[in-house]
């Protein structure tokens, strides 16, 4: 009899522990993303221990910078209940037009001025999205699909299509700058790019806006229930223009970082990244319907997408299966988040 009671008690404890873990994952969805990142890394390490070489880790960080900048902007838009697919077009427009301007008119323009102009130009183009979404009362997905085509068409028609290999000195300097250089026993040098600092600053600013300001509260309120938010005195017009302008601002900066990192300006670059960036933010715990999301979760989502895109080749998984794996991760995460919310 006592054995039966002890077995029953152990079973109850296990169910209680499982329930607590389920509650934790529901309250902190970024923990599930962290588990996926750890599991992916373990699989790659077991299959190919060379993955832990410093050069590979540096490559992952380098590949995460532009994705991370885009994701910070998408996070803010999603949190407000919108969706933006025009950020890559904004980045391409700003980076190419600005590169042409600096090369042909002001070749000695300092990096700070370049970043300020890129941020201002991106914010202006993003604000157009916010204005159209609010004034037209149209779904933000439809609006940003339209502006994406407009921005890219204007770039290719009126700005140019030539490939710039000789980028401005300030951009070239940013691309070459490093925070730390590691020399392996075989003599291979791996440099941690200084552009990581740009992502770190953007992540901190985004966190501060969402978690420590009235605008952040307004963003989550508007994304959770815009009607109630409006009754509480929140100006939806201000929120919508702000979030799309902020996403555009970060897109403009991401465009400059992309040019600096690759040391060339190509008007066709960055196209097609939209879905993977949105996937990274959703994997980080943000609901596509708005009202939720975190910076740390988004960064983990970016890291997961980067691992899938850049590292699974170490395991021998062909690139054709990368989208399948990302889709599988999204389905698993979405199912868990949905079931937890229903519970």
C-alpha atoms as a PDB file:
ATOM      1  CA  UNK A   1       0.000   0.000   0.000  1.00  0.00           C
ATOM      2  CA  UNK A   2       2.814   2.376   0.920  1.00  0.00           C
ATOM      3  CA  UNK A   3       4.580   1.519  -2.355  1.00  0.00           C
ATOM      4  CA  UNK A   4       1.434   2.466  -4.286  1.00  0.00           C
ATOM      5  CA  UNK A   5       1.197   5.746  -2.412  1.00  0.00           C
ATOM      6  CA  UNK A   6       4.867   6.537  -3.086  1.00  0.00           C
ATOM      7  CA  UNK A   7       4.490   5.752  -6.792  1.00  0.00           C
ATOM      8  CA  UNK A   8       1.392   7.918  -6.962  1.00  0.00           C
ATOM      9  CA  UNK A   9       3.201  10.730  -5.169  1.00  0.00           C
ATOM     10  CA  UNK A  10       6.160  10.501  -7.547  1.00  0.00           C
ATOM     11  CA  UNK A  11       3.789  10.554 -10.506  1.00  0.00           C
ATOM     12  CA  UNK A  12       2.051  13.653  -9.132  1.00  0.00           C
ATOM     13  CA  UNK A  13       5.429  15.332  -8.635  1.00  0.00           C
ATOM     14  CA  UNK A  14       6.404  14.559 -12.210  1.00  0.00           C
ATOM     15  CA  UNK A  15       3.126  15.975 -13.507  1.00  0.00           C
ATOM     16  CA  UNK A  16       3.600  19.019 -11.309  1.00  0.00           C
ATOM     17  CA  UNK A  17       7.140  19.504 -12.596  1.00  0.00           C
ATOM     18  CA  UNK A  18       5.945  19.091 -16.180  1.00  0.00           C
ATOM     19  CA  UNK A  19       3.181  21.609 -15.583  1.00  0.00           C
ATOM     20  CA  UNK A  20       5.628  24.124 -14.100  1.00  0.00           C
ATOM     21  CA  UNK A  21       7.961  23.727 -17.074  1.00  0.00           C
ATOM     22  CA  UNK A  22       4.992  24.188 -19.412  1.00  0.00           C
ATOM     23  CA  UNK A  23       3.979  27.352 -17.545  1.00  0.00           C
ATOM     24  CA  UNK A  24       7.529  28.693 -17.724  1.00  0.00           C
ATOM     25  CA  UNK A  25       7.700  28.091 -21.473  1.00  0.00           C
ATOM     26  CA  UNK A  26       4.353  29.822 -21.864  1.00  0.00           C
ATOM     27  CA  UNK A  27       5.400  32.824 -19.799  1.00  0.00           C
ATOM     28  CA  UNK A  28       8.894  33.002 -21.313  1.00  0.00           C
ATOM     29  CA  UNK A  29       8.671  31.692 -24.904  1.00  0.00           C
ATOM     30  CA  UNK A  30      12.242  32.791 -25.578  1.00  0.00           C
ATOM     31  CA  UNK A  31      13.365  29.870 -23.396  1.00  0.00           C
ATOM     32  CA  UNK A  32      11.961  27.469 -25.980  1.00  0.00           C
ATOM     33  CA  UNK A  33      13.920  29.316 -28.671  1.00  0.00           C
ATOM     34  CA  UNK A  34      17.029  28.960 -26.522  1.00  0.00           C
ATOM     35  CA  UNK A  35      16.407  25.214 -26.293  1.00  0.00           C
ATOM     36  CA  UNK A  36      16.188  25.026 -30.096  1.00  0.00           C
ATOM     37  CA  UNK A  37      19.460  26.965 -30.427  1.00  0.00           C
ATOM     38  CA  UNK A  38      21.222  24.670 -27.941  1.00  0.00           C
ATOM     39  CA  UNK A  39      19.819  21.536 -29.598  1.00  0.00           C
ATOM     40  CA  UNK A  40      20.909  22.742 -33.046  1.00  0.00           C
ATOM     41  CA  UNK A  41      24.413  23.537 -31.797  1.00  0.00           C
ATOM     42  CA  UNK A  42      24.720  20.126 -30.104  1.00  0.00           C
ATOM     43  CA  UNK A  43      23.684  18.334 -33.293  1.00  0.00           C
ATOM     44  CA  UNK A  44      26.240  20.267 -35.322  1.00  0.00           C
ATOM     45  CA  UNK A  45      29.012  19.753 -32.730  1.00  0.00           C
ATOM     46  CA  UNK A  46      28.374  16.013 -32.512  1.00  0.00           C
ATOM     47  CA  UNK A  47      28.357  15.672 -36.284  1.00  0.00           C
ATOM     48  CA  UNK A  48      31.366  17.936 -36.819  1.00  0.00           C
ATOM     49  CA  UNK A  49      33.445  19.124 -33.824  1.00  0.00           C
ATOM     50  CA  UNK A  50      35.233  21.620 -36.094  1.00  0.00           C
ATOM     51  CA  UNK A  51      32.145  23.804 -35.694  1.00  0.00           C
ATOM     52  CA  UNK A  52      33.643  25.172 -32.466  1.00  0.00           C
ATOM     53  CA  UNK A  53      36.511  26.850 -34.289  1.00  0.00           C
ATOM     54  CA  UNK A  54      36.686  30.574 -33.590  1.00  0.00           C
ATOM     55  CA  UNK A  55      36.398  31.409 -37.289  1.00  0.00           C
ATOM     56  CA  UNK A  56      32.988  29.718 -37.481  1.00  0.00           C
ATOM     57  CA  UNK A  57      31.705  31.473 -34.369  1.00  0.00           C
ATOM     58  CA  UNK A  58      32.854  34.836 -35.750  1.00  0.00           C
ATOM     59  CA  UNK A  59      31.140  34.114 -39.068  1.00  0.00           C
ATOM     60  CA  UNK A  60      27.879  33.423 -37.225  1.00  0.00           C
ATOM     61  CA  UNK A  61      28.095  36.739 -35.387  1.00  0.00           C
ATOM     62  CA  UNK A  62      28.953  38.594 -38.592  1.00  0.00           C
ATOM     63  CA  UNK A  63      26.014  37.036 -40.423  1.00  0.00           C
ATOM     64  CA  UNK A  64      23.677  37.912 -37.545  1.00  0.00           C
ATOM     65  CA  UNK A  65      24.289  41.669 -37.535  1.00  0.00           C
ATOM     66  CA  UNK A  66      22.183  42.770 -40.514  1.00  0.00           C
ATOM     67  CA  UNK A  67      19.522  40.162 -39.726  1.00  0.00           C
ATOM     68  CA  UNK A  68      19.444  41.385 -36.141  1.00  0.00           C
ATOM     69  CA  UNK A  69      19.013  45.035 -37.131  1.00  0.00           C
ATOM     70  CA  UNK A  70      16.122  44.136 -39.411  1.00  0.00           C
ATOM     71  CA  UNK A  71      14.596  41.938 -36.710  1.00  0.00           C
ATOM     72  CA  UNK A  72      14.629  44.717 -34.101  1.00  0.00           C
ATOM     73  CA  UNK A  73      12.501  46.849 -36.415  1.00  0.00           C
ATOM     74  CA  UNK A  74      10.156  43.999 -37.296  1.00  0.00           C
ATOM     75  CA  UNK A  75       9.747  43.215 -33.577  1.00  0.00           C
ATOM     76  CA  UNK A  76       8.485  46.722 -32.837  1.00  0.00           C
ATOM     77  CA  UNK A  77       6.074  46.634 -35.782  1.00  0.00           C
ATOM     78  CA  UNK A  78       4.741  43.193 -34.835  1.00  0.00           C
ATOM     79  CA  UNK A  79       4.336  44.222 -31.203  1.00  0.00           C
ATOM     80  CA  UNK A  80       2.086  47.058 -32.385  1.00  0.00           C
ATOM     81  CA  UNK A  81      -0.083  44.648 -34.370  1.00  0.00           C
ATOM     82  CA  UNK A  82       1.365  45.394 -37.788  1.00  0.00           C
ATOM     83  CA  UNK A  83       3.620  43.609 -40.238  1.00  0.00           C
ATOM     84  CA  UNK A  84       6.302  45.066 -42.485  1.00  0.00           C
ATOM     85  CA  UNK A  85       7.844  43.436 -45.549  1.00  0.00           C
ATOM     86  CA  UNK A  86       9.311  46.595 -47.065  1.00  0.00           C
ATOM     87  CA  UNK A  87      12.355  46.910 -44.788  1.00  0.00           C
ATOM     88  CA  UNK A  88      14.740  45.204 -47.225  1.00  0.00           C
ATOM     89  CA  UNK A  89      13.622  47.545 -50.014  1.00  0.00           C
ATOM     90  CA  UNK A  90      14.174  50.538 -47.720  1.00  0.00           C
ATOM     91  CA  UNK A  91      17.645  49.238 -46.825  1.00  0.00           C
ATOM     92  CA  UNK A  92      18.558  48.652 -50.471  1.00  0.00           C
ATOM     93  CA  UNK A  93      17.299  52.084 -51.512  1.00  0.00           C
ATOM     94  CA  UNK A  94      19.115  53.916 -48.716  1.00  0.00           C
ATOM     95  CA  UNK A  95      22.394  52.016 -48.964  1.00  0.00           C
ATOM     96  CA  UNK A  96      22.679  52.356 -52.736  1.00  0.00           C
ATOM     97  CA  UNK A  97      21.528  55.970 -53.040  1.00  0.00           C
ATOM     98  CA  UNK A  98      23.724  57.030 -50.125  1.00  0.00           C
ATOM     99  CA  UNK A  99      26.743  55.192 -51.510  1.00  0.00           C
ATOM    100  CA  UNK A 100      26.288  56.956 -54.852  1.00  0.00           C
ATOM    101  CA  UNK A 101      25.904  60.319 -53.105  1.00  0.00           C
ATOM    102  CA  UNK A 102      29.047  59.929 -51.033  1.00  0.00           C
ATOM    103  CA  UNK A 103      31.206  58.564 -53.852  1.00  0.00           C
ATOM    104  CA  UNK A 104      30.159  61.191 -56.391  1.00  0.00           C
ATOM    105  CA  UNK A 105      29.613  64.271 -54.225  1.00  0.00           C
ATOM    106  CA  UNK A 106      31.163  64.009 -50.749  1.00  0.00           C
ATOM    107  CA  UNK A 107      33.815  61.257 -50.816  1.00  0.00           C
ATOM    108  CA  UNK A 108      35.252  62.325 -47.440  1.00  0.00           C
ATOM    109  CA  UNK A 109      31.950  62.230 -45.549  1.00  0.00           C
ATOM    110  CA  UNK A 110      32.561  60.868 -42.022  1.00  0.00           C
ATOM    111  CA  UNK A 111      30.931  57.655 -40.858  1.00  0.00           C
ATOM    112  CA  UNK A 112      28.761  59.376 -38.258  1.00  0.00           C
ATOM    113  CA  UNK A 113      27.219  61.610 -40.919  1.00  0.00           C
ATOM    114  CA  UNK A 114      26.630  58.600 -43.181  1.00  0.00           C
ATOM    115  CA  UNK A 115      24.839  56.703 -40.409  1.00  0.00           C
ATOM    116  CA  UNK A 116      22.733  59.749 -39.483  1.00  0.00           C
ATOM    117  CA  UNK A 117      21.661  60.293 -43.090  1.00  0.00           C
ATOM    118  CA  UNK A 118      20.921  56.578 -43.509  1.00  0.00           C
ATOM    119  CA  UNK A 119      18.839  56.554 -40.331  1.00  0.00           C
ATOM    120  CA  UNK A 120      16.932  59.693 -41.329  1.00  0.00           C
ATOM    121  CA  UNK A 121      16.280  58.454 -44.871  1.00  0.00           C
ATOM    122  CA  UNK A 122      15.120  55.062 -43.667  1.00  0.00           C
ATOM    123  CA  UNK A 123      12.892  56.620 -41.020  1.00  0.00           C
ATOM    124  CA  UNK A 124      11.273  58.888 -43.621  1.00  0.00           C
ATOM    125  CA  UNK A 125      10.498  55.971 -45.932  1.00  0.00           C
ATOM    126  CA  UNK A 126       9.227  53.912 -43.007  1.00  0.00           C
ATOM    127  CA  UNK A 127       7.011  56.770 -41.825  1.00  0.00           C
ATOM    128  CA  UNK A 128       5.329  56.705 -45.233  1.00  0.00           C
ATOM    129  CA  UNK A 129       4.275  53.132 -44.448  1.00  0.00           C
ATOM    130  CA  UNK A 130       2.808  54.209 -41.125  1.00  0.00           C
ATOM    131  CA  UNK A 131       0.920  57.116 -42.673  1.00  0.00           C
ATOM    132  CA  UNK A 132      -0.573  54.930 -45.391  1.00  0.00           C
ATOM    133  CA  UNK A 133      -1.545  52.152 -42.963  1.00  0.00           C
ATOM    134  CA  UNK A 134      -3.375  54.614 -40.713  1.00  0.00           C
ATOM    135  CA  UNK A 135      -4.935  56.886 -43.305  1.00  0.00           C
ATOM    136  CA  UNK A 136      -6.076  54.091 -45.605  1.00  0.00           C
ATOM    137  CA  UNK A 137      -7.118  51.804 -42.727  1.00  0.00           C
ATOM    138  CA  UNK A 138      -5.587  49.055 -44.829  1.00  0.00           C
ATOM    139  CA  UNK A 139      -3.777  45.907 -43.664  1.00  0.00           C
ATOM    140  CA  UNK A 140      -0.120  46.742 -43.116  1.00  0.00           C
ATOM    141  CA  UNK A 141       0.956  43.650 -45.062  1.00  0.00           C
ATOM    142  CA  UNK A 142      -0.790  44.908 -48.199  1.00  0.00           C
ATOM    143  CA  UNK A 143       0.544  48.438 -47.766  1.00  0.00           C
ATOM    144  CA  UNK A 144       4.151  47.361 -47.251  1.00  0.00           C
ATOM    145  CA  UNK A 145       4.044  44.933 -50.167  1.00  0.00           C
ATOM    146  CA  UNK A 146       3.018  47.907 -52.288  1.00  0.00           C
ATOM    147  CA  UNK A 147       5.675  50.274 -50.931  1.00  0.00           C
ATOM    148  CA  UNK A 148       8.299  47.556 -51.277  1.00  0.00           C
ATOM    149  CA  UNK A 149       7.672  47.408 -55.024  1.00  0.00           C
ATOM    150  CA  UNK A 150       7.518  51.195 -55.275  1.00  0.00           C
ATOM    151  CA  UNK A 151      10.844  51.697 -53.491  1.00  0.00           C
ATOM    152  CA  UNK A 152      12.617  48.996 -55.488  1.00  0.00           C
ATOM    153  CA  UNK A 153      11.155  50.203 -58.772  1.00  0.00           C
ATOM    154  CA  UNK A 154      12.165  53.796 -58.062  1.00  0.00           C
ATOM    155  CA  UNK A 155      15.680  52.664 -57.149  1.00  0.00           C
ATOM    156  CA  UNK A 156      16.152  50.591 -60.286  1.00  0.00           C
ATOM    157  CA  UNK A 157      14.502  53.138 -62.610  1.00  0.00           C
ATOM    158  CA  UNK A 158      15.813  56.482 -61.400  1.00  0.00           C
ATOM    159  CA  UNK A 159      18.834  55.849 -59.169  1.00  0.00           C
ATOM    160  CA  UNK A 160      20.756  53.170 -61.005  1.00  0.00           C
ATOM    161  CA  UNK A 161      21.719  49.509 -61.235  1.00  0.00           C
ATOM    162  CA  UNK A 162      25.523  49.612 -61.433  1.00  0.00           C
ATOM    163  CA  UNK A 163      27.531  47.557 -58.957  1.00  0.00           C
ATOM    164  CA  UNK A 164      29.809  49.720 -56.778  1.00  0.00           C
ATOM    165  CA  UNK A 165      32.993  47.879 -55.802  1.00  0.00           C
ATOM    166  CA  UNK A 166      34.810  50.969 -54.541  1.00  0.00           C
ATOM    167  CA  UNK A 167      32.763  52.042 -51.539  1.00  0.00           C
ATOM    168  CA  UNK A 168      33.394  55.248 -49.548  1.00  0.00           C
ATOM    169  CA  UNK A 169      36.423  55.207 -47.257  1.00  0.00           C
ATOM    170  CA  UNK A 170      34.337  55.608 -44.119  1.00  0.00           C
ATOM    171  CA  UNK A 171      32.188  52.564 -44.962  1.00  0.00           C
ATOM    172  CA  UNK A 172      35.265  50.570 -45.893  1.00  0.00           C
ATOM    173  CA  UNK A 173      36.826  51.479 -42.550  1.00  0.00           C
ATOM    174  CA  UNK A 174      33.721  50.293 -40.687  1.00  0.00           C
ATOM    175  CA  UNK A 175      33.809  46.976 -42.542  1.00  0.00           C
ATOM    176  CA  UNK A 176      37.488  46.426 -41.720  1.00  0.00           C
ATOM    177  CA  UNK A 177      37.285  47.511 -38.069  1.00  0.00           C
ATOM    178  CA  UNK A 178      37.420  44.709 -35.533  1.00  0.00           C
ATOM    179  CA  UNK A 179      36.938  44.412 -31.791  1.00  0.00           C
ATOM    180  CA  UNK A 180      39.110  41.341 -31.333  1.00  0.00           C
ATOM    181  CA  UNK A 181      41.355  39.217 -33.532  1.00  0.00           C
ATOM    182  CA  UNK A 182      42.052  35.570 -32.749  1.00  0.00           C
ATOM    183  CA  UNK A 183      44.987  33.704 -34.277  1.00  0.00           C
ATOM    184  CA  UNK A 184      44.518  29.937 -34.393  1.00  0.00           C
ATOM    185  CA  UNK A 185      47.440  27.498 -33.970  1.00  0.00           C
ATOM    186  CA  UNK A 186      47.379  26.997 -37.745  1.00  0.00           C
ATOM    187  CA  UNK A 187      47.815  30.741 -38.266  1.00  0.00           C
ATOM    188  CA  UNK A 188      44.238  31.513 -39.368  1.00  0.00           C
ATOM    189  CA  UNK A 189      43.107  34.951 -38.165  1.00  0.00           C
ATOM    190  CA  UNK A 190      39.475  35.498 -37.117  1.00  0.00           C
ATOM    191  CA  UNK A 191      38.371  39.083 -36.490  1.00  0.00           C
ATOM    192  CA  UNK A 192      35.244  39.953 -34.531  1.00  0.00           C
ATOM    193  CA  UNK A 193      33.704  42.787 -36.593  1.00  0.00           C
ATOM    194  CA  UNK A 194      33.020  46.143 -34.972  1.00  0.00           C
ATOM    195  CA  UNK A 195      29.588  46.135 -36.601  1.00  0.00           C
ATOM    196  CA  UNK A 196      28.485  43.866 -33.742  1.00  0.00           C
ATOM    197  CA  UNK A 197      28.463  47.029 -31.625  1.00  0.00           C
ATOM    198  CA  UNK A 198      25.874  48.557 -33.957  1.00  0.00           C
ATOM    199  CA  UNK A 199      23.548  45.606 -33.296  1.00  0.00           C
ATOM    200  CA  UNK A 200      24.231  45.788 -29.551  1.00  0.00           C
ATOM    201  CA  UNK A 201      23.270  49.473 -29.462  1.00  0.00           C
ATOM    202  CA  UNK A 202      20.148  48.860 -31.568  1.00  0.00           C
ATOM    203  CA  UNK A 203      19.100  45.979 -29.309  1.00  0.00           C
ATOM    204  CA  UNK A 204      19.542  48.088 -26.172  1.00  0.00           C
ATOM    205  CA  UNK A 205      17.618  51.044 -27.618  1.00  0.00           C
ATOM    206  CA  UNK A 206      14.799  48.737 -28.753  1.00  0.00           C
ATOM    207  CA  UNK A 207      14.648  47.092 -25.317  1.00  0.00           C
ATOM    208  CA  UNK A 208      14.586  50.507 -23.627  1.00  0.00           C
ATOM    209  CA  UNK A 209      11.776  51.764 -25.863  1.00  0.00           C
ATOM    210  CA  UNK A 210       9.614  48.668 -25.356  1.00  0.00           C
ATOM    211  CA  UNK A 211      10.244  48.117 -21.653  1.00  0.00           C
ATOM    212  CA  UNK A 212      10.996  51.519 -20.148  1.00  0.00           C
ATOM    213  CA  UNK A 213       8.975  54.135 -22.015  1.00  0.00           C
ATOM    214  CA  UNK A 214       5.340  55.169 -22.377  1.00  0.00           C
ATOM    215  CA  UNK A 215       5.669  54.595 -26.105  1.00  0.00           C
ATOM    216  CA  UNK A 216       6.587  50.972 -25.414  1.00  0.00           C
ATOM    217  CA  UNK A 217       3.447  50.506 -23.322  1.00  0.00           C
ATOM    218  CA  UNK A 218       1.411  52.145 -26.052  1.00  0.00           C
ATOM    219  CA  UNK A 219       2.946  49.817 -28.667  1.00  0.00           C
ATOM    220  CA  UNK A 220       2.000  46.661 -26.752  1.00  0.00           C
ATOM    221  CA  UNK A 221      -1.438  48.064 -25.924  1.00  0.00           C
ATOM    222  CA  UNK A 222      -2.132  48.948 -29.558  1.00  0.00           C
ATOM    223  CA  UNK A 223      -0.993  45.501 -30.638  1.00  0.00           C
ATOM    224  CA  UNK A 224      -3.055  43.725 -27.986  1.00  0.00           C
ATOM    225  CA  UNK A 225      -6.351  45.528 -28.632  1.00  0.00           C
ATOM    226  CA  UNK A 226      -6.338  48.766 -30.648  1.00  0.00           C
ATOM    227  CA  UNK A 227      -9.939  49.635 -29.771  1.00  0.00           C
ATOM    228  CA  UNK A 228      -9.316  49.469 -26.026  1.00  0.00           C
ATOM    229  CA  UNK A 229      -5.983  51.253 -26.443  1.00  0.00           C
ATOM    230  CA  UNK A 230      -7.731  54.112 -28.240  1.00  0.00           C
ATOM    231  CA  UNK A 231     -10.337  54.370 -25.466  1.00  0.00           C
ATOM    232  CA  UNK A 232      -7.478  54.663 -22.971  1.00  0.00           C
ATOM    233  CA  UNK A 233      -6.240  57.745 -24.811  1.00  0.00           C
ATOM    234  CA  UNK A 234      -3.468  56.152 -26.873  1.00  0.00           C
ATOM    235  CA  UNK A 235      -3.069  57.826 -30.262  1.00  0.00           C
ATOM    236  CA  UNK A 236      -2.905  54.994 -32.767  1.00  0.00           C
ATOM    237  CA  UNK A 237      -1.715  57.376 -35.479  1.00  0.00           C
ATOM    238  CA  UNK A 238       1.382  58.262 -33.439  1.00  0.00           C
ATOM    239  CA  UNK A 239       2.091  54.635 -32.571  1.00  0.00           C
ATOM    240  CA  UNK A 240       1.791  53.407 -36.157  1.00  0.00           C
ATOM    241  CA  UNK A 241       3.938  56.147 -37.647  1.00  0.00           C
ATOM    242  CA  UNK A 242       6.536  55.634 -34.921  1.00  0.00           C
ATOM    243  CA  UNK A 243       6.884  51.857 -35.273  1.00  0.00           C
ATOM    244  CA  UNK A 244       7.161  51.907 -39.060  1.00  0.00           C
ATOM    245  CA  UNK A 245       9.560  54.874 -38.941  1.00  0.00           C
ATOM    246  CA  UNK A 246      11.673  53.040 -36.356  1.00  0.00           C
ATOM    247  CA  UNK A 247      11.764  49.919 -38.516  1.00  0.00           C
ATOM    248  CA  UNK A 248      12.802  52.084 -41.476  1.00  0.00           C
ATOM    249  CA  UNK A 249      15.484  53.807 -39.391  1.00  0.00           C
ATOM    250  CA  UNK A 250      17.060  50.479 -38.469  1.00  0.00           C
ATOM    251  CA  UNK A 251      16.714  49.282 -42.075  1.00  0.00           C
ATOM    252  CA  UNK A 252      18.664  52.327 -43.279  1.00  0.00           C
ATOM    253  CA  UNK A 253      21.446  51.629 -40.796  1.00  0.00           C
ATOM    254  CA  UNK A 254      21.394  47.924 -41.725  1.00  0.00           C
ATOM    255  CA  UNK A 255      21.907  48.917 -45.367  1.00  0.00           C
ATOM    256  CA  UNK A 256      25.073  50.844 -44.509  1.00  0.00           C
ATOM    257  CA  UNK A 257      26.352  47.963 -42.371  1.00  0.00           C
ATOM    258  CA  UNK A 258      25.658  45.550 -45.234  1.00  0.00           C
ATOM    259  CA  UNK A 259      27.663  47.664 -47.679  1.00  0.00           C
ATOM    260  CA  UNK A 260      30.518  48.041 -45.188  1.00  0.00           C
ATOM    261  CA  UNK A 261      30.628  44.319 -44.391  1.00  0.00           C
ATOM    262  CA  UNK A 262      30.534  43.161 -48.023  1.00  0.00           C
ATOM    263  CA  UNK A 263      32.555  46.106 -49.388  1.00  0.00           C
ATOM    264  CA  UNK A 264      30.226  46.567 -52.337  1.00  0.00           C
ATOM    265  CA  UNK A 265      26.878  48.212 -53.060  1.00  0.00           C
ATOM    266  CA  UNK A 266      24.451  46.185 -55.119  1.00  0.00           C
ATOM    267  CA  UNK A 267      20.879  47.471 -55.704  1.00  0.00           C
ATOM    268  CA  UNK A 268      19.661  43.865 -55.946  1.00  0.00           C
ATOM    269  CA  UNK A 269      20.989  42.879 -52.536  1.00  0.00           C
ATOM    270  CA  UNK A 270      18.869  41.909 -49.513  1.00  0.00           C
ATOM    271  CA  UNK A 271      15.791  40.967 -51.551  1.00  0.00           C
ATOM    272  CA  UNK A 272      14.111  37.827 -50.293  1.00  0.00           C
ATOM    273  CA  UNK A 273      15.157  38.124 -46.637  1.00  0.00           C
ATOM    274  CA  UNK A 274      11.760  39.312 -45.448  1.00  0.00           C
ATOM    275  CA  UNK A 275      10.234  35.972 -44.477  1.00  0.00           C
ATOM    276  CA  UNK A 276      13.288  34.686 -42.635  1.00  0.00           C
ATOM    277  CA  UNK A 277      13.463  37.869 -40.553  1.00  0.00           C
ATOM    278  CA  UNK A 278       9.772  37.670 -39.670  1.00  0.00           C
ATOM    279  CA  UNK A 279      10.308  33.976 -38.862  1.00  0.00           C
ATOM    280  CA  UNK A 280      13.161  34.880 -36.502  1.00  0.00           C
ATOM    281  CA  UNK A 281      10.959  37.349 -34.608  1.00  0.00           C
ATOM    282  CA  UNK A 282       8.079  34.863 -34.379  1.00  0.00           C
ATOM    283  CA  UNK A 283      10.451  32.139 -33.201  1.00  0.00           C
ATOM    284  CA  UNK A 284      11.574  34.582 -30.520  1.00  0.00           C
ATOM    285  CA  UNK A 285       8.071  34.557 -29.036  1.00  0.00           C
ATOM    286  CA  UNK A 286       6.350  37.488 -30.753  1.00  0.00           C
ATOM    287  CA  UNK A 287       2.766  36.854 -31.812  1.00  0.00           C
ATOM    288  CA  UNK A 288       1.976  37.704 -35.409  1.00  0.00           C
ATOM    289  CA  UNK A 289      -1.250  39.301 -34.149  1.00  0.00           C
ATOM    290  CA  UNK A 290       0.631  41.757 -31.929  1.00  0.00           C
ATOM    291  CA  UNK A 291       0.856  42.644 -28.263  1.00  0.00           C
ATOM    292  CA  UNK A 292       3.925  40.586 -27.364  1.00  0.00           C
ATOM    293  CA  UNK A 293       7.602  40.083 -28.081  1.00  0.00           C
ATOM    294  CA  UNK A 294      11.001  40.593 -26.485  1.00  0.00           C
ATOM    295  CA  UNK A 295      14.441  41.710 -27.610  1.00  0.00           C
ATOM    296  CA  UNK A 296      16.258  38.716 -26.129  1.00  0.00           C
ATOM    297  CA  UNK A 297      13.807  36.316 -27.768  1.00  0.00           C
ATOM    298  CA  UNK A 298      14.241  38.059 -31.107  1.00  0.00           C
ATOM    299  CA  UNK A 299      18.033  37.874 -30.864  1.00  0.00           C
ATOM    300  CA  UNK A 300      17.772  34.159 -30.111  1.00  0.00           C
ATOM    301  CA  UNK A 301      15.458  33.774 -33.103  1.00  0.00           C
ATOM    302  CA  UNK A 302      17.999  35.542 -35.314  1.00  0.00           C
ATOM    303  CA  UNK A 303      20.739  33.283 -33.989  1.00  0.00           C
ATOM    304  CA  UNK A 304      18.628  30.207 -34.721  1.00  0.00           C
ATOM    305  CA  UNK A 305      17.872  31.329 -38.280  1.00  0.00           C
ATOM    306  CA  UNK A 306      21.556  32.131 -38.840  1.00  0.00           C
ATOM    307  CA  UNK A 307      22.576  28.712 -37.556  1.00  0.00           C
ATOM    308  CA  UNK A 308      20.130  26.999 -39.905  1.00  0.00           C
ATOM    309  CA  UNK A 309      21.178  29.151 -42.865  1.00  0.00           C
ATOM    310  CA  UNK A 310      24.943  29.123 -42.368  1.00  0.00           C
ATOM    311  CA  UNK A 311      25.976  26.162 -40.257  1.00  0.00           C
ATOM    312  CA  UNK A 312      23.914  23.074 -41.093  1.00  0.00           C
ATOM    313  CA  UNK A 313      26.223  22.432 -44.012  1.00  0.00           C
ATOM    314  CA  UNK A 314      28.646  21.121 -41.352  1.00  0.00           C
ATOM    315  CA  UNK A 315      26.205  18.270 -40.723  1.00  0.00           C
ATOM    316  CA  UNK A 316      25.877  17.522 -44.408  1.00  0.00           C
ATOM    317  CA  UNK A 317      22.318  18.866 -44.662  1.00  0.00           C
ATOM    318  CA  UNK A 318      21.770  20.379 -48.134  1.00  0.00           C
ATOM    319  CA  UNK A 319      20.661  23.982 -48.460  1.00  0.00           C
ATOM    320  CA  UNK A 320      17.397  22.842 -50.041  1.00  0.00           C
ATOM    321  CA  UNK A 321      16.285  21.522 -46.641  1.00  0.00           C
ATOM    322  CA  UNK A 322      17.056  24.719 -44.724  1.00  0.00           C
ATOM    323  CA  UNK A 323      13.636  26.247 -45.381  1.00  0.00           C
ATOM    324  CA  UNK A 324      12.011  22.970 -44.346  1.00  0.00           C
ATOM    325  CA  UNK A 325      13.854  23.018 -41.020  1.00  0.00           C
ATOM    326  CA  UNK A 326      12.979  26.671 -40.362  1.00  0.00           C
ATOM    327  CA  UNK A 327       9.339  25.940 -41.184  1.00  0.00           C
ATOM    328  CA  UNK A 328       9.366  22.931 -38.864  1.00  0.00           C
ATOM    329  CA  UNK A 329      10.775  25.040 -36.030  1.00  0.00           C
ATOM    330  CA  UNK A 330       8.065  27.668 -36.581  1.00  0.00           C
ATOM    331  CA  UNK A 331       5.313  25.031 -36.554  1.00  0.00           C
ATOM    332  CA  UNK A 332       6.633  23.473 -33.331  1.00  0.00           C
ATOM    333  CA  UNK A 333       7.045  26.831 -31.602  1.00  0.00           C
ATOM    334  CA  UNK A 334       3.666  28.107 -32.812  1.00  0.00           C
ATOM    335  CA  UNK A 335       1.914  24.948 -31.648  1.00  0.00           C
ATOM    336  CA  UNK A 336       3.456  25.142 -28.177  1.00  0.00           C
ATOM    337  CA  UNK A 337       2.687  28.852 -27.781  1.00  0.00           C
ATOM    338  CA  UNK A 338      -0.897  28.375 -28.979  1.00  0.00           C
ATOM    339  CA  UNK A 339      -1.585  25.395 -26.717  1.00  0.00           C
ATOM    340  CA  UNK A 340      -0.139  27.267 -23.752  1.00  0.00           C
ATOM    341  CA  UNK A 341      -2.348  30.315 -24.386  1.00  0.00           C
ATOM    342  CA  UNK A 342      -5.430  28.083 -24.602  1.00  0.00           C
ATOM    343  CA  UNK A 343      -4.479  26.440 -21.347  1.00  0.00           C
END
